[in-house]
């Protein structure tokens, strides 16, 4: 007999972000987080908005293709969160979720960059 976790679609086994203010282990699923980001981007980059028009003019393209391109890039920006290494960073132990594995090199790189910037601030 299949368990509840084995019936979950694979894309529901990844957390997009932890929700520490809610119950322990609560998270916003990555599939839904990615859709939320794309939906917000779609509205913020509406062709009639001044920022979209300014960006399009500076880039020499029409506002609607610019909107589509930027929303596509927004969809891609969280792709790395599907890595087991990123899931390790969230430290969630929820039934059916992808098991964390390894270190998140992206986080390590970010920490190194932050330390480098931090050391130059105030000089």
C-alpha atoms as a PDB file:
ATOM      1  CA  UNK A   1       0.000   0.000   0.000  1.00  0.00           C
ATOM      2  CA  UNK A   2       1.518   3.371  -0.982  1.00  0.00           C
ATOM      3  CA  UNK A   3       2.194   5.862   1.770  1.00  0.00           C
ATOM      4  CA  UNK A   4       1.050   9.482   1.665  1.00  0.00           C
ATOM      5  CA  UNK A   5       4.591  10.650   0.946  1.00  0.00           C
ATOM      6  CA  UNK A   6       5.044   8.212  -1.955  1.00  0.00           C
ATOM      7  CA  UNK A   7       1.917   9.642  -3.604  1.00  0.00           C
ATOM      8  CA  UNK A   8       3.298  13.190  -3.576  1.00  0.00           C
ATOM      9  CA  UNK A   9       4.359  14.508  -6.971  1.00  0.00           C
ATOM     10  CA  UNK A  10       8.139  14.844  -7.096  1.00  0.00           C
ATOM     11  CA  UNK A  11       7.955  18.628  -7.384  1.00  0.00           C
ATOM     12  CA  UNK A  12       6.048  18.767  -4.061  1.00  0.00           C
ATOM     13  CA  UNK A  13       9.032  17.268  -2.233  1.00  0.00           C
ATOM     14  CA  UNK A  14      11.093  20.486  -2.267  1.00  0.00           C
ATOM     15  CA  UNK A  15      10.799  23.519  -0.037  1.00  0.00           C
ATOM     16  CA  UNK A  16      11.104  26.978  -1.556  1.00  0.00           C
ATOM     17  CA  UNK A  17      11.499  28.723   1.765  1.00  0.00           C
ATOM     18  CA  UNK A  18      11.094  27.937   5.422  1.00  0.00           C
ATOM     19  CA  UNK A  19       8.319  29.585   7.400  1.00  0.00           C
ATOM     20  CA  UNK A  20       9.826  29.833  10.893  1.00  0.00           C
ATOM     21  CA  UNK A  21       7.033  32.053  12.208  1.00  0.00           C
ATOM     22  CA  UNK A  22       4.596  29.181  11.698  1.00  0.00           C
ATOM     23  CA  UNK A  23       4.770  25.673  13.104  1.00  0.00           C
ATOM     24  CA  UNK A  24       8.145  23.939  13.279  1.00  0.00           C
ATOM     25  CA  UNK A  25       9.088  22.576   9.889  1.00  0.00           C
ATOM     26  CA  UNK A  26       6.532  24.671   7.995  1.00  0.00           C
ATOM     27  CA  UNK A  27       7.549  25.674   4.504  1.00  0.00           C
ATOM     28  CA  UNK A  28       6.290  27.192   1.272  1.00  0.00           C
ATOM     29  CA  UNK A  29       6.673  24.509  -1.395  1.00  0.00           C
ATOM     30  CA  UNK A  30       9.134  25.403  -4.132  1.00  0.00           C
ATOM     31  CA  UNK A  31       6.655  24.763  -6.943  1.00  0.00           C
ATOM     32  CA  UNK A  32       4.219  27.282  -5.450  1.00  0.00           C
ATOM     33  CA  UNK A  33       6.957  29.752  -4.505  1.00  0.00           C
ATOM     34  CA  UNK A  34       8.188  29.769  -8.112  1.00  0.00           C
ATOM     35  CA  UNK A  35       4.669  30.363  -9.419  1.00  0.00           C
ATOM     36  CA  UNK A  36       4.156  33.179  -6.892  1.00  0.00           C
ATOM     37  CA  UNK A  37       7.394  34.876  -7.987  1.00  0.00           C
ATOM     38  CA  UNK A  38       6.399  34.622 -11.655  1.00  0.00           C
ATOM     39  CA  UNK A  39       2.882  35.952 -10.989  1.00  0.00           C
ATOM     40  CA  UNK A  40       4.140  38.935  -9.012  1.00  0.00           C
ATOM     41  CA  UNK A  41       6.752  39.652 -11.703  1.00  0.00           C
ATOM     42  CA  UNK A  42       4.072  39.441 -14.394  1.00  0.00           C
ATOM     43  CA  UNK A  43       2.021  42.147 -12.658  1.00  0.00           C
ATOM     44  CA  UNK A  44       4.953  44.364 -11.669  1.00  0.00           C
ATOM     45  CA  UNK A  45       6.304  44.296 -15.224  1.00  0.00           C
ATOM     46  CA  UNK A  46       3.022  45.174 -16.963  1.00  0.00           C
ATOM     47  CA  UNK A  47       3.810  46.965 -20.259  1.00  0.00           C
ATOM     48  CA  UNK A  48       1.965  50.126 -19.211  1.00  0.00           C
ATOM     49  CA  UNK A  49       4.028  50.590 -16.033  1.00  0.00           C
ATOM     50  CA  UNK A  50       6.643  53.372 -16.171  1.00  0.00           C
ATOM     51  CA  UNK A  51       9.539  51.162 -15.043  1.00  0.00           C
ATOM     52  CA  UNK A  52       8.810  48.587 -17.748  1.00  0.00           C
ATOM     53  CA  UNK A  53       8.567  51.327 -20.392  1.00  0.00           C
ATOM     54  CA  UNK A  54      11.861  52.896 -19.235  1.00  0.00           C
ATOM     55  CA  UNK A  55      13.695  49.562 -19.243  1.00  0.00           C
ATOM     56  CA  UNK A  56      12.289  48.649 -22.651  1.00  0.00           C
ATOM     57  CA  UNK A  57      13.312  52.013 -24.104  1.00  0.00           C
ATOM     58  CA  UNK A  58      16.837  51.706 -22.711  1.00  0.00           C
ATOM     59  CA  UNK A  59      17.163  48.177 -24.104  1.00  0.00           C
ATOM     60  CA  UNK A  60      15.567  49.038 -27.435  1.00  0.00           C
ATOM     61  CA  UNK A  61      12.787  46.446 -27.268  1.00  0.00           C
ATOM     62  CA  UNK A  62       9.037  46.577 -26.839  1.00  0.00           C
ATOM     63  CA  UNK A  63       7.638  46.370 -23.281  1.00  0.00           C
ATOM     64  CA  UNK A  64       5.698  43.099 -23.787  1.00  0.00           C
ATOM     65  CA  UNK A  65       8.668  40.980 -24.996  1.00  0.00           C
ATOM     66  CA  UNK A  66      10.736  42.495 -22.180  1.00  0.00           C
ATOM     67  CA  UNK A  67       8.071  41.453 -19.698  1.00  0.00           C
ATOM     68  CA  UNK A  68       8.061  37.878 -21.034  1.00  0.00           C
ATOM     69  CA  UNK A  69      11.858  37.669 -20.903  1.00  0.00           C
ATOM     70  CA  UNK A  70      12.130  39.023 -17.365  1.00  0.00           C
ATOM     71  CA  UNK A  71       9.337  36.784 -16.063  1.00  0.00           C
ATOM     72  CA  UNK A  72      11.087  33.795 -17.656  1.00  0.00           C
ATOM     73  CA  UNK A  73      14.300  34.806 -15.856  1.00  0.00           C
ATOM     74  CA  UNK A  74      12.347  35.161 -12.609  1.00  0.00           C
ATOM     75  CA  UNK A  75      11.126  31.588 -13.098  1.00  0.00           C
ATOM     76  CA  UNK A  76      14.723  30.413 -13.455  1.00  0.00           C
ATOM     77  CA  UNK A  77      16.117  32.283 -10.466  1.00  0.00           C
ATOM     78  CA  UNK A  78      15.052  29.640  -7.913  1.00  0.00           C
ATOM     79  CA  UNK A  79      15.987  26.588  -9.969  1.00  0.00           C
ATOM     80  CA  UNK A  80      18.984  25.906  -7.722  1.00  0.00           C
ATOM     81  CA  UNK A  81      16.624  25.389  -4.800  1.00  0.00           C
ATOM     82  CA  UNK A  82      15.794  21.971  -6.257  1.00  0.00           C
ATOM     83  CA  UNK A  83      19.306  20.862  -5.303  1.00  0.00           C
ATOM     84  CA  UNK A  84      19.539  18.619  -2.282  1.00  0.00           C
ATOM     85  CA  UNK A  85      22.356  20.844  -1.030  1.00  0.00           C
ATOM     86  CA  UNK A  86      19.976  23.822  -0.809  1.00  0.00           C
ATOM     87  CA  UNK A  87      17.389  21.694   0.952  1.00  0.00           C
ATOM     88  CA  UNK A  88      20.086  21.030   3.589  1.00  0.00           C
ATOM     89  CA  UNK A  89      20.247  24.776   4.322  1.00  0.00           C
ATOM     90  CA  UNK A  90      16.554  24.873   5.264  1.00  0.00           C
ATOM     91  CA  UNK A  91      16.953  22.079   7.836  1.00  0.00           C
ATOM     92  CA  UNK A  92      13.393  20.830   7.359  1.00  0.00           C
ATOM     93  CA  UNK A  93      12.496  17.295   8.361  1.00  0.00           C
ATOM     94  CA  UNK A  94       9.041  16.855   6.894  1.00  0.00           C
ATOM     95  CA  UNK A  95       7.528  13.559   5.845  1.00  0.00           C
ATOM     96  CA  UNK A  96       7.887  13.006   2.114  1.00  0.00           C
ATOM     97  CA  UNK A  97      10.283  15.874   1.442  1.00  0.00           C
ATOM     98  CA  UNK A  98      13.494  15.392  -0.544  1.00  0.00           C
ATOM     99  CA  UNK A  99      16.285  14.349   1.767  1.00  0.00           C
ATOM    100  CA  UNK A 100      19.057  16.939   2.146  1.00  0.00           C
ATOM    101  CA  UNK A 101      22.421  15.879   0.816  1.00  0.00           C
ATOM    102  CA  UNK A 102      25.790  17.577   0.873  1.00  0.00           C
ATOM    103  CA  UNK A 103      26.759  21.187   1.330  1.00  0.00           C
ATOM    104  CA  UNK A 104      25.282  24.146  -0.461  1.00  0.00           C
ATOM    105  CA  UNK A 105      28.194  25.629  -2.375  1.00  0.00           C
ATOM    106  CA  UNK A 106      26.039  28.568  -3.459  1.00  0.00           C
ATOM    107  CA  UNK A 107      25.562  29.530   0.184  1.00  0.00           C
ATOM    108  CA  UNK A 108      29.279  29.095   0.825  1.00  0.00           C
ATOM    109  CA  UNK A 109      30.094  31.364  -2.114  1.00  0.00           C
ATOM    110  CA  UNK A 110      27.577  33.943  -0.870  1.00  0.00           C
ATOM    111  CA  UNK A 111      29.128  33.859   2.595  1.00  0.00           C
ATOM    112  CA  UNK A 112      32.616  34.402   1.125  1.00  0.00           C
ATOM    113  CA  UNK A 113      31.390  37.308  -0.997  1.00  0.00           C
ATOM    114  CA  UNK A 114      29.603  38.872   1.966  1.00  0.00           C
ATOM    115  CA  UNK A 115      32.735  38.568   4.114  1.00  0.00           C
ATOM    116  CA  UNK A 116      34.745  40.207   1.321  1.00  0.00           C
ATOM    117  CA  UNK A 117      32.308  43.112   1.016  1.00  0.00           C
ATOM    118  CA  UNK A 118      32.035  43.393   4.795  1.00  0.00           C
ATOM    119  CA  UNK A 119      35.811  43.725   5.120  1.00  0.00           C
ATOM    120  CA  UNK A 120      35.858  46.635   2.620  1.00  0.00           C
ATOM    121  CA  UNK A 121      32.980  48.585   4.179  1.00  0.00           C
ATOM    122  CA  UNK A 122      34.211  51.625   6.059  1.00  0.00           C
ATOM    123  CA  UNK A 123      37.666  51.728   4.476  1.00  0.00           C
END
